[in-house]
Protein backbone atom coordinates (compact mmCIF):
# COMPACT_ATOMS: atom_id res chain seq x y z
CA MET A 1 0.00 0.00 0.00
CA SER A 2 1.52 3.36 -1.00
CA GLU A 3 2.10 6.19 1.51
CA SER A 4 -0.39 8.46 -0.31
CA PHE A 5 -3.04 5.76 -0.12
CA ASP A 6 -2.30 5.30 3.60
CA LYS A 7 -2.92 8.98 4.24
CA GLU A 8 -6.12 9.02 2.20
CA ASP A 9 -7.37 5.86 3.90
CA LYS A 10 -6.58 7.33 7.31
CA LYS A 11 -8.40 10.55 6.41
CA GLU A 12 -11.54 8.64 5.41
CA SER A 13 -11.37 6.61 8.62
CA LEU A 14 -11.17 9.78 10.69
CA LYS A 15 -14.17 11.20 8.85
CA GLU A 16 -16.05 8.01 9.57
CA ILE A 17 -15.21 8.30 13.29
CA ILE A 18 -16.60 11.83 13.55
CA LYS A 19 -19.68 11.02 11.49
CA LYS A 20 -20.49 8.04 13.72
CA LEU A 21 -20.09 10.17 16.84
CA HIS A 22 -22.44 12.77 15.36
CA GLU A 23 -24.98 10.02 14.72
CA GLY A 24 -24.88 9.12 18.41
CA ALA A 25 -22.53 6.12 18.43
CA ASN A 26 -21.04 5.04 21.74
CA PRO A 27 -17.56 6.67 22.07
CA GLU A 28 -16.04 3.56 23.69
CA GLU A 29 -17.27 1.35 20.85
CA VAL A 30 -15.91 3.81 18.27
CA LYS A 31 -12.52 3.82 20.04
CA GLU A 32 -12.38 0.04 19.89
CA GLU A 33 -13.46 -0.12 16.24
CA PHE A 34 -10.88 2.44 15.08
CA LYS A 35 -8.07 1.78 17.58
CA GLU A 36 -5.52 1.14 14.80
CA VAL A 37 -6.21 4.53 13.24
CA LEU A 38 -6.36 6.39 16.55
CA LYS A 39 -2.94 5.27 17.72
CA ASP A 40 -1.18 7.30 14.99
CA ILE A 41 -3.41 10.39 14.72
CA THR A 42 -2.00 13.88 15.31
CA PRO A 43 -3.81 17.05 16.48
CA VAL A 44 -3.32 18.79 13.14
CA GLU A 45 -4.97 15.85 11.36
CA ILE A 46 -8.01 16.17 13.64
CA SER A 47 -8.19 19.89 12.80
CA GLN A 48 -7.92 19.23 9.07
CA ILE A 49 -10.62 16.55 9.10
CA GLU A 50 -13.04 18.77 11.04
CA GLU A 51 -12.26 21.49 8.49
CA GLU A 52 -13.14 19.20 5.57
CA LEU A 53 -16.37 17.99 7.16
CA ILE A 54 -17.59 21.55 7.72
CA ARG A 55 -16.75 22.42 4.11
CA GLU A 56 -18.76 19.36 3.06
CA GLY A 57 -21.83 20.68 4.88
CA MET A 58 -21.64 19.59 8.52
CA PRO A 59 -22.89 22.58 10.59
CA ARG A 60 -20.15 24.26 12.64
CA GLU A 61 -22.55 24.53 15.57
CA GLU A 62 -23.02 20.76 15.54
CA MET A 63 -19.25 20.23 15.35
CA GLN A 64 -18.76 22.52 18.31
CA LYS A 65 -21.56 20.92 20.34
CA LEU A 66 -19.98 17.48 20.01
CA CYS A 67 -16.37 18.64 20.36
CA ASP A 68 -16.15 17.18 23.88
CA VAL A 69 -17.37 13.83 22.55
CA HIS A 70 -14.62 13.90 19.92
CA LEU A 71 -12.06 14.47 22.64
CA LEU A 72 -13.28 11.43 24.59
CA VAL A 73 -12.30 9.36 21.58
CA PHE A 74 -9.16 11.29 20.58
CA ARG A 75 -7.90 11.97 24.13
CA GLU A 76 -5.15 9.33 24.22
CA ALA A 77 -3.90 10.37 20.79
CA VAL A 78 -3.74 14.11 21.50
CA GLU A 79 -2.19 13.69 24.94
CA ARG A 80 0.76 11.85 23.38
CA GLU A 81 1.69 15.16 21.73
CA LYS A 82 3.14 17.01 24.73
CA THR A 83 3.43 20.72 23.99
CA SER A 84 6.61 22.15 25.47
CA MET A 85 8.02 25.48 24.30
CA PRO A 86 10.83 27.73 25.56
CA SER A 87 10.01 30.63 27.85
CA GLY A 88 8.88 33.63 25.81
CA HIS A 89 7.42 31.65 22.94
CA PRO A 90 3.81 32.81 22.28
CA ILE A 91 2.41 29.32 22.93
CA HIS A 92 4.35 29.04 26.19
CA THR A 93 2.91 32.40 27.29
CA LEU A 94 -0.67 31.39 26.46
CA MET A 95 -0.33 28.07 28.28
CA GLU A 96 1.11 29.75 31.39
CA GLU A 97 -1.88 32.10 31.38
CA HIS A 98 -4.18 29.08 31.07
CA LYS A 99 -2.72 27.64 34.30
CA ILE A 100 -3.27 30.87 36.22
CA LEU A 101 -6.82 31.39 34.93
CA LEU A 102 -7.71 27.84 35.99
CA GLN A 103 -6.33 28.63 39.45
CA PHE A 104 -8.52 31.75 39.64
CA ALA A 105 -11.56 29.72 38.60
CA ASP A 106 -10.79 27.01 41.17
CA THR A 107 -10.30 29.59 43.93
CA LEU A 108 -13.58 31.26 43.01
CA LYS A 109 -15.35 27.91 43.23
CA ASN A 110 -13.88 27.31 46.72
CA ILE A 111 -14.95 30.78 47.87
CA ALA A 112 -18.47 30.17 46.52
CA HIS A 113 -18.56 26.93 48.54
CA ARG A 114 -17.57 28.78 51.74
CA ILE A 115 -20.21 31.43 51.11
CA LYS A 116 -22.76 28.66 50.54
CA GLU A 117 -22.11 27.54 54.14
CA ALA A 118 -22.41 31.08 55.60
CA LYS A 119 -25.48 32.75 57.12
CA ASP A 120 -25.43 36.33 55.80
CA PHE A 121 -23.43 38.98 53.92
CA ASP A 122 -21.80 40.30 57.13
CA SER A 123 -20.11 36.95 57.73
CA VAL A 124 -18.49 36.81 54.27
CA ALA A 125 -16.95 40.28 53.97
CA ARG A 126 -13.48 38.77 53.53
CA GLU A 127 -14.71 36.38 50.84
CA ILE A 128 -16.39 39.24 48.95
CA GLU A 129 -13.06 41.10 48.86
CA GLN A 130 -11.37 37.98 47.50
CA ILE A 131 -14.04 37.72 44.80
CA LYS A 132 -13.43 41.35 43.81
CA HIS A 133 -9.72 40.60 43.48
CA ILE A 134 -10.46 37.65 41.18
CA GLU A 135 -12.95 39.78 39.24
CA LYS A 136 -10.18 42.32 38.50
CA HIS A 137 -7.95 39.59 37.07
CA LEU A 138 -10.76 38.01 35.07
CA LYS A 139 -11.48 41.38 33.46
CA ASP A 140 -7.80 41.80 32.62
CA SER A 141 -7.74 38.31 31.07
CA GLU A 142 -9.46 39.79 27.99
CA SER A 143 -5.94 40.47 26.69
CA HIS A 144 -5.39 36.70 26.48
CA TYR A 145 -8.36 36.16 24.16
CA VAL A 146 -7.65 39.29 22.11
CA ARG A 147 -4.11 38.06 21.35
CA GLU A 148 -5.43 34.70 20.20
CA GLU A 149 -8.20 36.18 18.05
CA ASN A 150 -6.15 38.96 16.46
CA VAL A 151 -2.76 37.28 16.04
CA LEU A 152 -2.68 33.48 16.49
CA PHE A 153 -5.94 32.70 14.68
CA PRO A 154 -5.02 34.69 11.52
CA TYR A 155 -1.72 32.78 11.23
CA LEU A 156 -3.54 29.45 11.52
CA GLU A 157 -5.99 30.60 8.84
CA LYS A 158 -3.11 31.45 6.50
CA HIS A 159 -2.12 27.78 6.71
CA GLY A 160 -5.62 26.53 5.92
CA ILE A 161 -6.77 25.88 9.50
CA THR A 162 -9.87 28.08 9.71
CA GLN A 163 -12.67 26.16 11.43
CA PRO A 164 -10.96 25.27 14.75
CA PRO A 165 -10.10 28.95 15.40
CA ALA A 166 -13.70 29.91 14.55
CA ILE A 167 -14.98 27.33 17.05
CA MET A 168 -12.54 28.56 19.69
CA TRP A 169 -13.64 32.17 19.12
CA THR A 170 -17.26 31.12 19.65
CA GLU A 171 -16.19 29.59 22.95
CA HIS A 172 -14.38 32.82 23.86
CA ASP A 173 -17.71 34.61 23.51
CA LYS A 174 -19.33 32.03 25.78
CA ILE A 175 -16.60 32.63 28.37
CA ARG A 176 -17.19 36.38 28.07
CA GLU A 177 -20.92 35.89 28.67
CA ILE A 178 -20.28 33.77 31.78
CA LYS A 179 -17.88 36.41 33.13
CA LYS A 180 -20.32 39.23 32.34
CA ASN A 181 -23.03 37.45 34.34
CA LEU A 182 -20.57 37.00 37.20
CA TYR A 183 -19.66 40.71 37.21
CA ARG A 184 -23.35 41.64 37.16
CA LEU A 185 -23.99 39.34 40.11
CA ILE A 186 -21.16 40.95 42.12
CA ASP A 187 -22.44 44.46 41.35
CA MET A 188 -26.06 43.64 42.22
CA ARG A 189 -25.44 41.66 45.40
CA ALA A 190 -26.68 44.50 47.64
CA SER A 191 -30.10 44.42 45.99
CA MET A 192 -30.69 40.68 46.32
CA THR A 193 -31.25 38.20 49.13
CA PHE A 194 -28.23 36.37 50.51
CA GLU A 195 -29.81 33.04 49.52
CA ASP A 196 -30.14 34.13 45.88
CA PHE A 197 -26.57 35.41 45.89
CA GLN A 198 -25.30 32.11 47.34
CA GLU A 199 -27.10 30.05 44.73
CA GLN A 200 -26.20 32.20 41.70
CA LEU A 201 -22.55 32.55 42.76
CA GLU A 202 -22.21 28.80 43.05
CA GLU A 203 -23.76 28.30 39.60
CA ALA A 204 -21.55 30.99 38.02
CA SER A 205 -18.34 29.69 39.58
CA ILE A 206 -19.00 26.10 38.51
CA SER A 207 -19.99 27.22 35.00
CA LEU A 208 -16.80 29.29 34.62
CA ALA A 209 -14.52 26.55 35.96
CA GLU A 210 -16.01 23.89 33.68
CA MET A 211 -15.97 26.13 30.61
CA LEU A 212 -12.35 27.22 31.09
CA SER A 213 -11.18 23.68 31.80
CA SER A 214 -12.84 22.29 28.66
CA HIS A 215 -11.78 25.20 26.45
CA PHE A 216 -8.15 25.28 27.57
CA TYR A 217 -7.86 21.52 27.16
CA LYS A 218 -8.91 21.83 23.50
CA GLU A 219 -6.48 24.66 22.89
CA ASN A 220 -3.55 23.01 24.68
CA ASN A 221 -4.04 19.63 23.03
CA ILE A 222 -5.51 20.41 19.59
CA LEU A 223 -5.13 24.06 18.59
CA PHE A 224 -1.65 24.80 19.92
CA PRO A 225 0.01 21.58 18.64
CA SER A 226 -1.58 22.28 15.24
CA ALA A 227 -0.16 25.81 15.30
CA LEU A 228 3.31 24.53 16.20
CA GLU A 229 3.18 22.16 13.24
CA VAL A 230 2.15 24.67 10.57
CA VAL A 231 3.37 28.13 11.67
CA THR A 232 6.96 28.80 10.56
CA GLU A 233 9.82 30.01 12.75
CA ASN A 234 9.84 33.47 11.18
CA GLU A 235 6.07 33.72 11.60
CA TRP A 236 6.43 32.93 15.31
CA LYS A 237 8.78 35.91 15.56
CA GLU A 238 6.09 38.08 14.00
CA VAL A 239 3.46 36.61 16.34
CA ARG A 240 5.63 37.39 19.37
CA LYS A 241 6.17 40.98 18.24
CA GLN A 242 2.43 41.48 17.76
CA PHE A 243 1.71 39.91 21.16
CA ASP A 244 4.06 42.49 22.67
CA GLU A 245 2.26 45.30 20.85
CA LEU A 246 -1.15 44.22 22.18
CA GLY A 247 0.17 43.73 25.71
CA TYR A 248 -0.33 41.05 28.35
CA CYS A 249 -2.50 40.33 31.37
CA CYS A 250 -1.57 41.86 34.72
CA PHE A 251 -0.98 38.30 35.98
CA THR A 252 1.11 37.04 33.05
CA PRO A 253 4.35 35.75 34.67
CA GLU A 254 7.48 37.70 33.78
CA HIS A 255 9.27 34.47 32.83
CA ALA A 256 6.52 33.80 30.27
CA LYS A 257 7.25 37.15 28.64
CA ASP A 258 11.05 36.75 28.58
CA VAL A 259 12.16 36.67 24.98
CA ALA A 260 14.20 33.60 24.11
CA ALA A 261 17.15 34.40 21.87
CA GLU A 262 15.72 32.50 18.91
CA ILE A 263 12.47 34.43 19.00
CA LYS A 264 14.02 37.92 18.82
CA MET A 265 13.35 39.85 15.68
CA ASP A 266 14.28 43.33 14.51
CA ILE A 267 11.92 44.88 12.00
CA THR A 268 12.96 48.13 10.37
CA GLU A 269 10.83 50.15 8.04
CA VAL A 270 12.30 51.29 4.76
CA GLU A 271 11.77 55.01 4.28
CA ILE A 272 10.74 55.86 0.75
CA GLY A 273 10.55 59.51 -0.30
CA ASP A 274 8.31 58.98 -3.31
CA LYS A 275 5.49 61.44 -3.67
CA ILE A 276 1.89 60.32 -4.03
CA LEU A 277 0.06 62.60 -6.41
CA PHE A 278 -3.61 63.47 -5.96
CA GLU A 279 -5.89 65.76 -7.90
CA THR A 280 -5.92 68.06 -4.90
CA GLY A 281 -2.22 67.98 -4.03
CA GLU A 282 0.67 65.68 -3.20
CA LEU A 283 2.13 63.97 -0.15
CA LEU A 284 5.30 62.06 0.62
CA LYS A 285 4.59 58.53 1.79
CA GLU A 286 5.93 59.41 5.23
CA GLU A 287 3.64 62.45 5.35
CA LEU A 288 0.61 60.42 4.32
CA LYS A 289 1.39 57.83 6.98
CA ALA A 290 1.60 60.57 9.64
CA VAL A 291 -1.68 62.11 8.46
CA LEU A 292 -3.58 58.81 8.62
CA ASN A 293 -2.15 57.89 12.01
CA THR A 294 -2.93 61.33 13.47
CA LEU A 295 -6.58 61.41 12.48
CA PRO A 296 -8.81 61.34 15.62
CA VAL A 297 -10.42 58.14 14.33
CA ASP A 298 -9.31 54.55 13.71
CA ILE A 299 -9.67 53.49 10.08
CA THR A 300 -9.52 50.07 8.44
CA PHE A 301 -9.74 49.41 4.70
CA VAL A 302 -11.28 46.20 3.32
CA ASP A 303 -10.93 45.69 -0.45
CA LYS A 304 -13.61 44.55 -2.90
CA GLU A 305 -12.68 40.91 -2.24
CA ASP A 306 -13.49 41.41 1.48
CA THR A 307 -9.78 41.22 2.37
CA VAL A 308 -8.28 43.51 5.02
CA ARG A 309 -5.57 45.59 3.33
CA TYR A 310 -4.79 48.44 5.73
CA PHE A 311 -5.44 49.92 9.15
CA SER A 312 -4.21 53.17 10.67
CA ASP A 313 -1.77 52.93 13.56
CA SER A 314 -3.20 55.64 15.78
CA LYS A 315 -1.78 56.17 19.26
CA ASP A 316 -4.88 55.20 21.25
CA ARG A 317 -6.72 52.53 19.28
CA ILE A 318 -10.25 51.73 20.41
CA PHE A 319 -10.24 48.14 19.13
CA PRO A 320 -7.01 46.12 18.80
CA ARG A 321 -5.49 45.61 15.36
CA THR A 322 -2.36 43.60 14.52
CA LYS A 323 -0.43 43.09 11.29
CA ALA A 324 -1.61 39.47 11.34
CA ILE A 325 -5.01 40.56 10.00
CA ILE A 326 -3.55 42.00 6.79
CA GLY A 327 -4.62 39.65 4.01
CA ARG A 328 -7.32 38.10 6.21
CA LYS A 329 -10.96 37.95 5.15
CA VAL A 330 -12.89 40.51 7.16
CA GLN A 331 -15.53 37.89 8.04
CA GLN A 332 -12.84 36.02 9.99
CA CYS A 333 -12.06 39.16 12.01
CA HIS A 334 -15.45 39.03 13.74
CA PRO A 335 -17.05 36.52 16.12
CA GLN A 336 -19.49 34.13 14.47
CA LYS A 337 -22.50 35.77 16.10
CA SER A 338 -21.90 39.02 14.14
CA VAL A 339 -20.61 37.68 10.81
CA HIS A 340 -24.11 37.84 9.28
CA ILE A 341 -24.21 41.59 9.96
CA VAL A 342 -20.83 42.07 8.26
CA GLU A 343 -22.05 40.06 5.27
CA GLN A 344 -25.23 42.14 5.04
CA ILE A 345 -23.31 45.43 5.08
CA LEU A 346 -20.87 44.29 2.39
CA ASN A 347 -23.62 42.86 0.18
CA ASP A 348 -25.59 46.11 0.45
CA PHE A 349 -22.48 48.08 -0.53
CA LYS A 350 -21.64 45.83 -3.48
CA ASN A 351 -25.21 45.92 -4.77
CA ASP A 352 -25.57 49.71 -4.35
CA ARG A 353 -28.38 49.33 -1.83
CA LYS A 354 -26.51 51.42 0.75
CA THR A 355 -23.42 53.61 0.90
CA LYS A 356 -22.93 53.61 4.67
CA ALA A 357 -23.89 51.82 7.88
CA GLU A 358 -23.49 53.11 11.41
CA PHE A 359 -23.62 51.80 14.97
CA TRP A 360 -22.83 53.10 18.45
CA ILE A 361 -22.03 51.05 21.52
CA PRO A 362 -20.95 51.67 25.15
CA LEU A 363 -17.42 50.43 25.89
CA ASN A 364 -15.62 50.91 29.19
CA GLU A 365 -17.90 53.84 30.08
CA ARG A 366 -17.20 55.51 26.73
CA LEU A 367 -19.52 55.89 23.73
CA ILE A 368 -18.03 54.43 20.54
CA TYR A 369 -19.31 55.45 17.11
CA ILE A 370 -18.63 52.90 14.34
CA ARG A 371 -19.29 53.74 10.70
CA TYR A 372 -18.79 51.80 7.46
CA PHE A 373 -18.55 53.55 4.10
CA ALA A 374 -18.69 52.06 0.61
CA LEU A 375 -15.77 53.22 -1.57
CA HIS A 376 -16.09 53.67 -5.35
CA ASP A 377 -13.77 54.81 -8.13
CA LYS A 378 -14.61 57.66 -10.50
CA ASN A 379 -16.57 55.23 -12.70
CA GLY A 380 -18.72 54.13 -9.78
CA ASP A 381 -17.14 50.67 -9.47
CA TYR A 382 -16.95 49.27 -5.95
CA LEU A 383 -13.44 49.44 -4.45
CA GLY A 384 -14.10 48.24 -0.93
CA CYS A 385 -15.25 49.30 2.51
CA LEU A 386 -13.80 51.81 4.98
CA GLU A 387 -14.44 51.26 8.69
CA VAL A 388 -14.18 54.41 10.84
CA THR A 389 -14.28 54.08 14.62
CA GLN A 390 -14.40 57.08 16.94
CA ASP A 391 -14.77 57.78 20.66
CA ILE A 392 -17.49 60.46 20.76
CA THR A 393 -17.98 60.61 24.53
CA ASP A 394 -16.42 64.06 24.91
CA ILE A 395 -17.87 65.35 21.64
CA LYS A 396 -21.38 64.69 22.97
CA LYS A 397 -20.67 66.93 25.96
CA ILE A 398 -19.89 69.99 23.82
CA GLU A 399 -22.28 72.93 24.29
CA GLY A 400 -22.33 76.59 23.36
CA GLU A 401 -19.23 77.79 21.53
CA LYS A 402 -15.46 78.11 21.89
CA ARG A 403 -13.75 80.77 19.80
CA LEU A 404 -10.45 81.30 21.64
CA LEU A 405 -7.54 78.89 22.10
């Protein structure tokens, strides 16, 4: 039997495993039936097979729902692939953060158990302060998910691994929802009975612990090994640089941020003095760059093929952007729950039904104004979409007039 036939045969066997699981087959029976195939499987092969099945029509939601069942069958295979990276490698940093977040979740669960045994709010003042401390760190953990979504996921997508990151992003949103409910519970505790607080805190803490444990297991044993297999050494240097630009969690260990010698990378920009001519004047490239980066708005350009081509590098960005998104489809830059809105906007622009779309949302006690504009050339042909994001909190407060400096 040739090597190519072996690979194809193995691929079909893996598809058969997942299909049987989706039809409700007993995981233990499936493991026994396919034990010869399972002993040689790698995490990246699991990712690629899931990718193919979704392309062939299996709903992503269904794949995600049964992901834990897959892992029951694939567990022994994926755990053979021990992920170990030097300090400072992006994967090492993410895994160290996983450990600490699981500790926070476990501590929260223990505190909830102690509060469950208490009689009233007065007797748990110390525990409430501990919960507030954990809350602060959970809020700061957003940096962890932002780095994955805006840097790691785009690099996986460049190598053809698109569905596992999409599934992980959906789980990120579930984690965010659990945390949001927890924060709301902490804020509203004074207006509720102690019994209700006890019960809801216990539910929230268990939900968070179980979700993080399941999610981090998938990333550590499927997503990260797949990334290590397909992302090149030079790309990891770029990933590390973009991680640094986005920043880390307040609890990220210093040793996890230490840059190993092999991951260091110096990137210098080449200054070109060529002028760009417009009908209304001319600018040097360096001047144009300064103009775009100084505008009091964040802008992102998506071309007519829905590919991200440019974003301004303003000093105080509202939403994170990294160079990893350049060349990425804009649909992949949004969580699955909002992709249909992006598609609708772009379709309206391409079909001349609309020329702009606008939204405004509260974010960290600020009001953010988000606008999308259709771009056309002088013949009216669609060129792409411009996203403009602006903090208008202070603008809304303006009254009367100001004529002097």
